[in-house]
């Protein structure tokens, strides 16, 4: 199994942590977040990884090398200018017929092998791993009809289906990516949909955090330290 990991962002929302080293190397417990991701992928059967790098790429290369320490083969694809979240795929020459693609800054207990197996067995073109995210609104929310109050909900909790930043893809979908310029995954999914490609969604029965802000980072560190074995299971 092959995976492409996006690790080129500047991590501006995590400053000052990311002023001196790239976001994928931010420690969660005693490990860099990208190190946790790679160990999870290896556990689920991934043997080859391409890391798409840009910001402070030399530090990521120095930390992981060719993957010997992790027991996998790691290659790097470096962009000269930011290409968005989907654009880096056009630089990678050797991709398997089906592959995983994911962000390098997520903490999850998702079963990557199950996601990939369902994608391949059902002959899908794209599968997005999804998560039900609860969002607490710390305000009184009003429903107004024709200028009159129809309902008043104090501090409600809303639920949204969100992308986990994890995808299984068939190589053929790369044809939709423009040859030049910045291009993001949300644009790619909508363009594929508009061309008639079914975009399947896989609801992960798992824990998940996108380490994008200081509060998320603190929560991820707490969860990892409290339940390390959930995030880094060991084969018996």
C-alpha atoms as a PDB file:
ATOM      1  CA  UNK A   1       0.000   0.000   0.000  1.00  0.00           C
ATOM      2  CA  UNK A   2       1.231   3.496  -0.864  1.00  0.00           C
ATOM      3  CA  UNK A   3       0.465   6.833   0.795  1.00  0.00           C
ATOM      4  CA  UNK A   4       1.058  10.462  -0.109  1.00  0.00           C
ATOM      5  CA  UNK A   5       1.389  12.800   2.876  1.00  0.00           C
ATOM      6  CA  UNK A   6       0.977  16.572   2.650  1.00  0.00           C
ATOM      7  CA  UNK A   7       3.649  18.201   4.805  1.00  0.00           C
ATOM      8  CA  UNK A   8       4.432  21.484   3.070  1.00  0.00           C
ATOM      9  CA  UNK A   9       2.362  23.994   5.023  1.00  0.00           C
ATOM     10  CA  UNK A  10       3.806  26.743   7.206  1.00  0.00           C
ATOM     11  CA  UNK A  11       1.591  26.003  10.224  1.00  0.00           C
ATOM     12  CA  UNK A  12       0.981  29.711  10.789  1.00  0.00           C
ATOM     13  CA  UNK A  13      -1.915  29.037  13.192  1.00  0.00           C
ATOM     14  CA  UNK A  14       0.472  27.202  15.531  1.00  0.00           C
ATOM     15  CA  UNK A  15       2.974  30.014  15.905  1.00  0.00           C
ATOM     16  CA  UNK A  16       5.223  30.483  17.816  1.00  0.00           C
ATOM     17  CA  UNK A  17       5.722  26.678  17.859  1.00  0.00           C
ATOM     18  CA  UNK A  18       6.313  26.656  14.104  1.00  0.00           C
ATOM     19  CA  UNK A  19       8.639  29.656  13.897  1.00  0.00           C
ATOM     20  CA  UNK A  20      11.723  27.463  14.034  1.00  0.00           C
ATOM     21  CA  UNK A  21      10.582  24.044  12.786  1.00  0.00           C
ATOM     22  CA  UNK A  22       7.861  22.730  10.434  1.00  0.00           C
ATOM     23  CA  UNK A  23       4.423  21.815  11.680  1.00  0.00           C
ATOM     24  CA  UNK A  24       4.789  18.055  10.907  1.00  0.00           C
ATOM     25  CA  UNK A  25       7.633  17.932  13.440  1.00  0.00           C
ATOM     26  CA  UNK A  26       5.614  19.520  16.277  1.00  0.00           C
ATOM     27  CA  UNK A  27       5.847  17.040  19.177  1.00  0.00           C
ATOM     28  CA  UNK A  28       2.809  15.237  20.500  1.00  0.00           C
ATOM     29  CA  UNK A  29       4.006  13.564  23.648  1.00  0.00           C
ATOM     30  CA  UNK A  30       7.466  12.211  22.885  1.00  0.00           C
ATOM     31  CA  UNK A  31       6.954  11.933  19.099  1.00  0.00           C
ATOM     32  CA  UNK A  32       6.576  14.306  16.180  1.00  0.00           C
ATOM     33  CA  UNK A  33       2.999  14.262  14.857  1.00  0.00           C
ATOM     34  CA  UNK A  34       4.172  13.072  11.429  1.00  0.00           C
ATOM     35  CA  UNK A  35       6.139  10.289  13.102  1.00  0.00           C
ATOM     36  CA  UNK A  36       2.917   9.078  14.740  1.00  0.00           C
ATOM     37  CA  UNK A  37       1.130   9.189  11.379  1.00  0.00           C
ATOM     38  CA  UNK A  38       3.896   7.184   9.692  1.00  0.00           C
ATOM     39  CA  UNK A  39       3.940   4.547  12.418  1.00  0.00           C
ATOM     40  CA  UNK A  40       0.159   4.189  12.117  1.00  0.00           C
ATOM     41  CA  UNK A  41       0.394   3.781   8.342  1.00  0.00           C
ATOM     42  CA  UNK A  42       3.084   1.138   8.710  1.00  0.00           C
ATOM     43  CA  UNK A  43       0.893  -0.742  11.226  1.00  0.00           C
ATOM     44  CA  UNK A  44      -1.950  -0.777   8.688  1.00  0.00           C
ATOM     45  CA  UNK A  45       0.207  -2.088   5.860  1.00  0.00           C
ATOM     46  CA  UNK A  46       1.644   0.971   4.121  1.00  0.00           C
ATOM     47  CA  UNK A  47       5.172   0.258   2.913  1.00  0.00           C
ATOM     48  CA  UNK A  48       5.821   3.195   0.573  1.00  0.00           C
ATOM     49  CA  UNK A  49       5.305   6.878   1.358  1.00  0.00           C
ATOM     50  CA  UNK A  50       5.790  10.055  -0.654  1.00  0.00           C
ATOM     51  CA  UNK A  51       5.984  13.156   1.544  1.00  0.00           C
ATOM     52  CA  UNK A  52       5.090  16.373  -0.293  1.00  0.00           C
ATOM     53  CA  UNK A  53       7.267  19.081   1.258  1.00  0.00           C
ATOM     54  CA  UNK A  54       7.948  22.794   0.877  1.00  0.00           C
ATOM     55  CA  UNK A  55       8.357  24.898   4.043  1.00  0.00           C
ATOM     56  CA  UNK A  56      11.547  23.867   5.912  1.00  0.00           C
ATOM     57  CA  UNK A  57      11.723  20.739   3.765  1.00  0.00           C
ATOM     58  CA  UNK A  58      15.344  20.077   4.735  1.00  0.00           C
ATOM     59  CA  UNK A  59      14.370  19.501   8.374  1.00  0.00           C
ATOM     60  CA  UNK A  60      11.710  16.942   7.459  1.00  0.00           C
ATOM     61  CA  UNK A  61      14.158  15.137   5.155  1.00  0.00           C
ATOM     62  CA  UNK A  62      16.810  15.104   7.877  1.00  0.00           C
ATOM     63  CA  UNK A  63      14.389  13.756  10.502  1.00  0.00           C
ATOM     64  CA  UNK A  64      12.894  10.869   8.493  1.00  0.00           C
ATOM     65  CA  UNK A  65      15.550  10.171   5.861  1.00  0.00           C
ATOM     66  CA  UNK A  66      14.643   7.348   3.507  1.00  0.00           C
ATOM     67  CA  UNK A  67      12.472   5.650   6.142  1.00  0.00           C
ATOM     68  CA  UNK A  68      14.909   2.987   7.362  1.00  0.00           C
ATOM     69  CA  UNK A  69      14.285   3.767  11.024  1.00  0.00           C
ATOM     70  CA  UNK A  70      10.526   3.306  10.522  1.00  0.00           C
ATOM     71  CA  UNK A  71      10.777   0.189   8.374  1.00  0.00           C
ATOM     72  CA  UNK A  72       9.279   1.768   5.266  1.00  0.00           C
ATOM     73  CA  UNK A  73      10.464   3.479   2.100  1.00  0.00           C
ATOM     74  CA  UNK A  74      10.090   7.257   2.112  1.00  0.00           C
ATOM     75  CA  UNK A  75      10.532   9.520  -0.891  1.00  0.00           C
ATOM     76  CA  UNK A  76      10.030  13.267  -1.122  1.00  0.00           C
ATOM     77  CA  UNK A  77       8.314  15.549  -3.622  1.00  0.00           C
ATOM     78  CA  UNK A  78       9.355  19.175  -3.193  1.00  0.00           C
ATOM     79  CA  UNK A  79       7.431  22.071  -4.703  1.00  0.00           C
ATOM     80  CA  UNK A  80       9.112  25.351  -5.630  1.00  0.00           C
ATOM     81  CA  UNK A  81       5.988  27.371  -4.795  1.00  0.00           C
ATOM     82  CA  UNK A  82       2.803  26.544  -2.831  1.00  0.00           C
ATOM     83  CA  UNK A  83       0.544  24.361  -4.987  1.00  0.00           C
ATOM     84  CA  UNK A  84      -2.399  23.940  -2.628  1.00  0.00           C
ATOM     85  CA  UNK A  85      -3.482  20.618  -1.188  1.00  0.00           C
ATOM     86  CA  UNK A  86      -4.154  18.771  -4.480  1.00  0.00           C
ATOM     87  CA  UNK A  87      -1.608  20.445  -6.765  1.00  0.00           C
ATOM     88  CA  UNK A  88       1.397  18.514  -5.350  1.00  0.00           C
ATOM     89  CA  UNK A  89      -0.026  15.299  -6.815  1.00  0.00           C
ATOM     90  CA  UNK A  90       0.876  16.422 -10.341  1.00  0.00           C
ATOM     91  CA  UNK A  91       4.580  16.396  -9.378  1.00  0.00           C
ATOM     92  CA  UNK A  92       4.616  12.750  -8.279  1.00  0.00           C
ATOM     93  CA  UNK A  93       5.559  10.508 -11.178  1.00  0.00           C
ATOM     94  CA  UNK A  94       5.263   7.065  -9.630  1.00  0.00           C
ATOM     95  CA  UNK A  95       1.873   6.463  -8.038  1.00  0.00           C
ATOM     96  CA  UNK A  96       0.128   3.139  -7.512  1.00  0.00           C
ATOM     97  CA  UNK A  97      -3.212   2.534  -9.197  1.00  0.00           C
ATOM     98  CA  UNK A  98      -4.842   3.185  -5.820  1.00  0.00           C
ATOM     99  CA  UNK A  99      -3.220   5.113  -2.997  1.00  0.00           C
ATOM    100  CA  UNK A 100      -3.943   6.957   0.239  1.00  0.00           C
ATOM    101  CA  UNK A 101      -3.526  10.718   0.551  1.00  0.00           C
ATOM    102  CA  UNK A 102      -3.592  12.520   3.883  1.00  0.00           C
ATOM    103  CA  UNK A 103      -2.493  15.527   5.863  1.00  0.00           C
ATOM    104  CA  UNK A 104       0.609  15.116   7.972  1.00  0.00           C
ATOM    105  CA  UNK A 105      -0.786  16.887  11.035  1.00  0.00           C
ATOM    106  CA  UNK A 106      -3.731  14.780  12.159  1.00  0.00           C
ATOM    107  CA  UNK A 107      -4.142  12.566  15.210  1.00  0.00           C
ATOM    108  CA  UNK A 108      -6.614   9.743  14.682  1.00  0.00           C
ATOM    109  CA  UNK A 109      -7.388   6.118  15.447  1.00  0.00           C
ATOM    110  CA  UNK A 110      -8.827   5.524  11.962  1.00  0.00           C
ATOM    111  CA  UNK A 111      -8.329   2.046  10.494  1.00  0.00           C
ATOM    112  CA  UNK A 112      -6.481   3.046   7.315  1.00  0.00           C
ATOM    113  CA  UNK A 113      -6.485  -0.534   6.029  1.00  0.00           C
ATOM    114  CA  UNK A 114     -10.279  -0.777   6.290  1.00  0.00           C
ATOM    115  CA  UNK A 115     -10.710   2.519   4.426  1.00  0.00           C
ATOM    116  CA  UNK A 116      -8.373   1.418   1.642  1.00  0.00           C
ATOM    117  CA  UNK A 117      -9.822  -2.084   1.373  1.00  0.00           C
ATOM    118  CA  UNK A 118     -13.386  -0.796   0.942  1.00  0.00           C
ATOM    119  CA  UNK A 119     -12.207   1.721  -1.645  1.00  0.00           C
ATOM    120  CA  UNK A 120     -10.444  -0.932  -3.748  1.00  0.00           C
ATOM    121  CA  UNK A 121     -13.014  -3.707  -3.387  1.00  0.00           C
ATOM    122  CA  UNK A 122     -15.851  -1.404  -4.481  1.00  0.00           C
ATOM    123  CA  UNK A 123     -13.797  -0.080  -7.447  1.00  0.00           C
ATOM    124  CA  UNK A 124     -14.236   3.524  -6.301  1.00  0.00           C
ATOM    125  CA  UNK A 125     -12.463   6.518  -7.781  1.00  0.00           C
ATOM    126  CA  UNK A 126     -12.370   8.585  -4.576  1.00  0.00           C
ATOM    127  CA  UNK A 127     -13.230   7.880  -0.949  1.00  0.00           C
ATOM    128  CA  UNK A 128     -13.163  10.611   1.699  1.00  0.00           C
ATOM    129  CA  UNK A 129     -12.782   9.648   5.353  1.00  0.00           C
ATOM    130  CA  UNK A 130     -15.360  11.648   7.317  1.00  0.00           C
ATOM    131  CA  UNK A 131     -15.950  12.497  10.955  1.00  0.00           C
ATOM    132  CA  UNK A 132     -18.967  13.851  12.815  1.00  0.00           C
ATOM    133  CA  UNK A 133     -17.769  17.009  14.522  1.00  0.00           C
ATOM    134  CA  UNK A 134     -19.731  18.548  17.375  1.00  0.00           C
ATOM    135  CA  UNK A 135     -19.487  22.331  17.556  1.00  0.00           C
ATOM    136  CA  UNK A 136     -20.628  24.092  20.725  1.00  0.00           C
ATOM    137  CA  UNK A 137     -22.141  27.537  20.171  1.00  0.00           C
ATOM    138  CA  UNK A 138     -21.602  29.549  23.360  1.00  0.00           C
ATOM    139  CA  UNK A 139     -24.330  32.034  22.499  1.00  0.00           C
ATOM    140  CA  UNK A 140     -28.081  32.197  22.460  1.00  0.00           C
ATOM    141  CA  UNK A 141     -29.126  31.327  18.901  1.00  0.00           C
ATOM    142  CA  UNK A 142     -32.278  32.944  17.574  1.00  0.00           C
ATOM    143  CA  UNK A 143     -34.537  31.737  14.792  1.00  0.00           C
ATOM    144  CA  UNK A 144     -36.214  34.729  13.199  1.00  0.00           C
ATOM    145  CA  UNK A 145     -39.110  34.616  10.724  1.00  0.00           C
ATOM    146  CA  UNK A 146     -40.349  37.816   9.090  1.00  0.00           C
ATOM    147  CA  UNK A 147     -38.615  39.865  11.771  1.00  0.00           C
ATOM    148  CA  UNK A 148     -40.255  37.949  14.634  1.00  0.00           C
ATOM    149  CA  UNK A 149     -38.670  35.498  17.059  1.00  0.00           C
ATOM    150  CA  UNK A 150     -39.795  31.951  16.353  1.00  0.00           C
ATOM    151  CA  UNK A 151     -37.330  30.097  18.598  1.00  0.00           C
ATOM    152  CA  UNK A 152     -34.571  30.770  21.114  1.00  0.00           C
ATOM    153  CA  UNK A 153     -31.927  28.073  21.653  1.00  0.00           C
ATOM    154  CA  UNK A 154     -29.430  28.676  24.432  1.00  0.00           C
ATOM    155  CA  UNK A 155     -25.879  27.497  23.655  1.00  0.00           C
ATOM    156  CA  UNK A 156     -26.766  24.707  21.224  1.00  0.00           C
ATOM    157  CA  UNK A 157     -24.432  21.978  19.969  1.00  0.00           C
ATOM    158  CA  UNK A 158     -24.438  21.485  16.204  1.00  0.00           C
ATOM    159  CA  UNK A 159     -23.130  18.405  14.406  1.00  0.00           C
ATOM    160  CA  UNK A 160     -21.342  18.590  11.061  1.00  0.00           C
ATOM    161  CA  UNK A 161     -19.882  15.950   8.758  1.00  0.00           C
ATOM    162  CA  UNK A 162     -16.298  17.034   8.076  1.00  0.00           C
ATOM    163  CA  UNK A 163     -13.413  15.717   6.026  1.00  0.00           C
ATOM    164  CA  UNK A 164     -10.702  14.096   8.122  1.00  0.00           C
ATOM    165  CA  UNK A 165      -8.085  15.143   5.580  1.00  0.00           C
ATOM    166  CA  UNK A 166      -7.688  11.488   4.583  1.00  0.00           C
ATOM    167  CA  UNK A 167      -8.534  10.152   1.115  1.00  0.00           C
ATOM    168  CA  UNK A 168      -8.259   6.967  -0.900  1.00  0.00           C
ATOM    169  CA  UNK A 169      -7.869   7.694  -4.621  1.00  0.00           C
ATOM    170  CA  UNK A 170      -7.616   5.954  -7.952  1.00  0.00           C
ATOM    171  CA  UNK A 171      -4.796   7.328 -10.095  1.00  0.00           C
ATOM    172  CA  UNK A 172      -7.189   8.216 -12.934  1.00  0.00           C
ATOM    173  CA  UNK A 173      -8.716  11.110 -10.967  1.00  0.00           C
ATOM    174  CA  UNK A 174      -5.462  13.059 -11.287  1.00  0.00           C
ATOM    175  CA  UNK A 175      -6.534  14.035 -14.805  1.00  0.00           C
ATOM    176  CA  UNK A 176      -8.737  16.742 -13.279  1.00  0.00           C
ATOM    177  CA  UNK A 177      -5.766  18.606 -11.762  1.00  0.00           C
ATOM    178  CA  UNK A 178      -4.739  21.681 -13.805  1.00  0.00           C
ATOM    179  CA  UNK A 179      -1.197  21.654 -15.181  1.00  0.00           C
ATOM    180  CA  UNK A 180      -0.291  24.909 -13.468  1.00  0.00           C
ATOM    181  CA  UNK A 181      -1.227  26.972 -10.436  1.00  0.00           C
ATOM    182  CA  UNK A 182      -2.572  26.323  -6.969  1.00  0.00           C
ATOM    183  CA  UNK A 183      -5.320  23.727  -6.650  1.00  0.00           C
ATOM    184  CA  UNK A 184      -6.946  22.458  -3.467  1.00  0.00           C
ATOM    185  CA  UNK A 185      -8.615  19.181  -2.580  1.00  0.00           C
ATOM    186  CA  UNK A 186     -12.015  20.778  -2.029  1.00  0.00           C
ATOM    187  CA  UNK A 187     -11.857  22.132  -5.590  1.00  0.00           C
ATOM    188  CA  UNK A 188     -10.782  18.725  -6.847  1.00  0.00           C
ATOM    189  CA  UNK A 189     -13.691  16.935  -5.154  1.00  0.00           C
ATOM    190  CA  UNK A 190     -16.247  19.378  -6.537  1.00  0.00           C
ATOM    191  CA  UNK A 191     -14.743  19.295 -10.036  1.00  0.00           C
ATOM    192  CA  UNK A 192     -14.841  15.494 -10.021  1.00  0.00           C
ATOM    193  CA  UNK A 193     -18.437  15.562  -8.796  1.00  0.00           C
ATOM    194  CA  UNK A 194     -19.373  17.971 -11.572  1.00  0.00           C
ATOM    195  CA  UNK A 195     -17.815  15.598 -14.109  1.00  0.00           C
ATOM    196  CA  UNK A 196     -20.026  12.783 -12.834  1.00  0.00           C
ATOM    197  CA  UNK A 197     -17.489  10.961 -10.657  1.00  0.00           C
ATOM    198  CA  UNK A 198     -19.126   9.539  -7.513  1.00  0.00           C
ATOM    199  CA  UNK A 199     -17.370  10.803  -4.378  1.00  0.00           C
ATOM    200  CA  UNK A 200     -17.798   8.162  -1.698  1.00  0.00           C
ATOM    201  CA  UNK A 201     -17.630   8.960   2.004  1.00  0.00           C
ATOM    202  CA  UNK A 202     -16.369   6.581   4.679  1.00  0.00           C
ATOM    203  CA  UNK A 203     -17.486   7.446   8.200  1.00  0.00           C
ATOM    204  CA  UNK A 204     -14.615   6.691  10.521  1.00  0.00           C
ATOM    205  CA  UNK A 205     -15.609   5.075  13.817  1.00  0.00           C
ATOM    206  CA  UNK A 206     -12.634   6.624  15.506  1.00  0.00           C
ATOM    207  CA  UNK A 207     -11.084   9.526  17.335  1.00  0.00           C
ATOM    208  CA  UNK A 208      -9.799  12.431  15.251  1.00  0.00           C
ATOM    209  CA  UNK A 209      -8.191  15.813  15.752  1.00  0.00           C
ATOM    210  CA  UNK A 210      -6.793  18.233  13.209  1.00  0.00           C
ATOM    211  CA  UNK A 211      -3.834  19.861  14.941  1.00  0.00           C
ATOM    212  CA  UNK A 212      -4.373  23.286  13.433  1.00  0.00           C
ATOM    213  CA  UNK A 213      -4.699  25.581  16.435  1.00  0.00           C
ATOM    214  CA  UNK A 214      -3.077  25.810  19.848  1.00  0.00           C
ATOM    215  CA  UNK A 215      -6.189  24.466  21.608  1.00  0.00           C
ATOM    216  CA  UNK A 216      -6.378  21.458  19.261  1.00  0.00           C
ATOM    217  CA  UNK A 217      -2.667  20.797  19.781  1.00  0.00           C
ATOM    218  CA  UNK A 218      -3.055  20.796  23.567  1.00  0.00           C
ATOM    219  CA  UNK A 219      -6.048  18.443  23.317  1.00  0.00           C
ATOM    220  CA  UNK A 220      -4.175  16.115  20.960  1.00  0.00           C
ATOM    221  CA  UNK A 221      -1.229  15.956  23.355  1.00  0.00           C
ATOM    222  CA  UNK A 222      -3.534  15.131  26.255  1.00  0.00           C
ATOM    223  CA  UNK A 223      -5.361  12.387  24.338  1.00  0.00           C
ATOM    224  CA  UNK A 224      -2.133  10.827  23.107  1.00  0.00           C
ATOM    225  CA  UNK A 225      -0.499  10.778  26.521  1.00  0.00           C
ATOM    226  CA  UNK A 226      -3.646   9.346  28.145  1.00  0.00           C
ATOM    227  CA  UNK A 227      -4.200   6.629  25.533  1.00  0.00           C
ATOM    228  CA  UNK A 228      -0.984   6.032  23.646  1.00  0.00           C
ATOM    229  CA  UNK A 229      -1.906   2.401  22.909  1.00  0.00           C
ATOM    230  CA  UNK A 230      -5.054   3.512  21.037  1.00  0.00           C
ATOM    231  CA  UNK A 231      -3.034   5.605  18.628  1.00  0.00           C
ATOM    232  CA  UNK A 232       0.015   3.358  18.324  1.00  0.00           C
ATOM    233  CA  UNK A 233      -1.209  -0.249  18.598  1.00  0.00           C
ATOM    234  CA  UNK A 234       1.434  -2.960  18.472  1.00  0.00           C
ATOM    235  CA  UNK A 235       1.155  -6.122  16.416  1.00  0.00           C
ATOM    236  CA  UNK A 236       1.308  -9.327  18.459  1.00  0.00           C
END
